[in-house]
Protein backbone atom coordinates (compact mmCIF):
# COMPACT_ATOMS: atom_id res chain seq x y z
CA MET A 1 0.00 0.00 0.00
CA MET A 2 1.03 3.56 -0.62
CA VAL A 3 -0.80 6.64 0.66
CA ILE A 4 -0.17 9.76 -1.40
CA ASP A 5 -0.47 13.40 -0.33
CA GLU A 6 -1.83 15.18 -3.42
CA ALA A 7 -0.31 18.50 -2.33
CA ALA A 8 3.17 17.00 -2.69
CA ARG A 9 2.44 16.10 -6.34
CA LYS A 10 1.00 19.47 -7.45
CA VAL A 11 2.64 21.35 -10.36
CA GLU A 12 1.67 24.31 -12.53
CA GLU A 13 2.28 23.54 -16.20
CA PRO A 14 0.85 23.87 -19.70
CA PRO A 15 -1.47 20.95 -20.49
CA PRO A 16 -0.08 18.11 -22.61
CA HIS A 17 -0.61 17.73 -26.34
CA GLY A 18 -0.28 21.29 -27.57
CA LYS A 19 0.49 23.32 -24.43
CA ILE A 20 -2.76 25.30 -24.86
CA GLY A 21 -3.07 27.64 -21.87
CA MET A 22 -2.12 26.67 -18.32
CA SER A 23 -3.17 24.00 -15.87
CA THR A 24 -2.60 22.68 -12.40
CA ALA A 25 -1.61 19.00 -12.40
CA TRP A 26 -1.60 16.63 -9.47
CA ARG A 27 0.63 13.75 -10.64
CA ILE A 28 -0.78 11.47 -7.98
CA THR A 29 0.67 8.11 -9.05
CA ASP A 30 4.08 9.34 -10.23
CA GLY A 31 6.74 7.49 -8.28
CA VAL A 32 4.48 4.65 -7.12
CA PRO A 33 6.65 1.49 -7.34
CA GLY A 34 5.37 -1.18 -9.72
CA ARG A 35 2.30 0.79 -10.75
CA MET A 36 0.24 -0.41 -13.71
CA MET A 37 -2.03 2.62 -14.11
CA GLU A 38 -1.96 6.39 -14.25
CA TYR A 39 -4.24 8.37 -11.94
CA ARG A 40 -4.10 12.15 -12.03
CA LYS A 41 -6.12 15.22 -11.25
CA ARG A 42 -5.82 18.20 -13.60
CA SER A 43 -7.39 21.64 -13.51
CA LEU A 44 -7.57 23.28 -16.92
CA HIS A 45 -7.48 27.03 -16.34
CA PRO A 46 -9.85 29.25 -18.40
CA GLY A 47 -9.08 28.84 -22.09
CA ALA A 48 -6.83 25.80 -21.59
CA ALA A 49 -7.05 22.50 -23.45
CA ILE A 50 -5.44 19.10 -23.75
CA GLY A 51 -4.95 19.09 -27.51
CA VAL A 52 -6.29 16.40 -29.81
CA HIS A 53 -3.99 13.38 -29.81
CA PRO A 54 -4.20 9.63 -30.50
CA ILE A 55 -4.52 7.27 -27.53
CA ALA A 56 -3.10 3.74 -27.41
CA HIS A 57 -5.29 2.67 -24.47
CA ASP A 58 -8.71 3.42 -23.02
CA GLU A 59 -8.84 6.64 -20.94
CA ILE A 60 -11.31 8.05 -18.44
CA TYR A 61 -11.91 11.77 -17.80
CA ALA A 62 -14.23 12.32 -14.81
CA VAL A 63 -15.42 15.90 -14.24
CA VAL A 64 -15.10 17.15 -10.65
CA SER A 65 -16.02 20.80 -11.31
CA GLY A 66 -16.28 23.33 -14.11
CA GLU A 67 -17.45 22.80 -17.66
CA GLY A 68 -15.78 21.66 -20.83
CA GLU A 69 -15.99 19.84 -24.12
CA VAL A 70 -14.43 16.52 -25.02
CA VAL A 71 -13.78 15.40 -28.59
CA SER A 72 -13.24 11.85 -29.81
CA ASP A 73 -12.70 11.14 -33.50
CA GLY A 74 -14.33 14.45 -34.45
CA VAL A 75 -17.43 14.04 -32.25
CA THR A 76 -17.76 16.71 -29.54
CA ALA A 77 -19.74 16.40 -26.29
CA LYS A 78 -20.30 18.90 -23.48
CA LEU A 79 -19.16 17.96 -19.98
CA LYS A 80 -20.20 19.21 -16.54
CA PRO A 81 -19.71 18.00 -12.95
CA GLY A 82 -20.84 14.42 -12.40
CA MET A 83 -20.14 13.40 -16.01
CA THR A 84 -17.43 11.00 -17.16
CA ALA A 85 -16.02 10.56 -20.66
CA TYR A 86 -14.83 7.03 -21.46
CA LEU A 87 -12.48 7.19 -24.47
CA TYR A 88 -11.51 4.15 -26.51
CA THR A 89 -8.14 2.87 -27.69
CA GLY A 90 -7.15 4.23 -31.09
CA ALA A 91 -9.31 7.37 -30.95
CA GLN A 92 -8.12 10.92 -31.57
CA VAL A 93 -9.14 12.71 -28.36
CA GLY A 94 -8.89 16.08 -26.64
CA ILE A 95 -10.63 18.12 -23.96
CA ARG A 96 -11.00 21.84 -23.35
CA GLN A 97 -12.25 24.11 -20.61
CA THR A 98 -15.31 26.25 -21.33
CA GLY A 99 -17.16 28.68 -19.09
CA THR A 100 -15.67 30.86 -16.36
CA ALA A 101 -14.41 28.35 -13.77
CA PRO A 102 -11.47 25.96 -14.23
CA LEU A 103 -12.34 22.47 -15.48
CA VAL A 104 -11.16 19.98 -12.83
CA LEU A 105 -10.77 16.38 -14.00
CA ILE A 106 -9.71 13.03 -12.66
CA ILE A 107 -7.84 11.21 -15.44
CA SER A 108 -6.99 7.51 -15.42
CA TYR A 109 -5.55 5.07 -17.91
CA PRO A 110 -3.43 1.90 -17.91
CA LEU A 111 0.31 2.12 -18.36
CA GLU A 112 2.09 0.05 -20.96
CA LYS A 113 2.91 -3.33 -19.47
CA VAL A 114 6.61 -4.10 -19.26
CA PRO A 115 7.43 -7.75 -20.06
CA GLN A 116 8.72 -9.73 -17.07
CA LYS A 117 12.30 -11.00 -17.37
């Protein structure tokens, strides 16, 4: 077991896949020994976006607060608190903040498995 203090994993940085605007990232599972999944919280500041990019695994974006839009293979859907976007392997995906408040997300996806020696 490992208990993680989110505050110790907080960084201010441009979002991935295009560096559109600014975000606050909580890299919660970074440094967890032997981990097999990624689990992060990210706040997209007003006007920020995770640019459209291909994914090689399923991904989940769960909305904690704020509003946004998610795109998958050219199809756009609005998101608000209590909604979750499940994105499929091979899709071209992205998400952007809309409205006045930051878009706070929980993001999770599996890491590439490393073959055992």
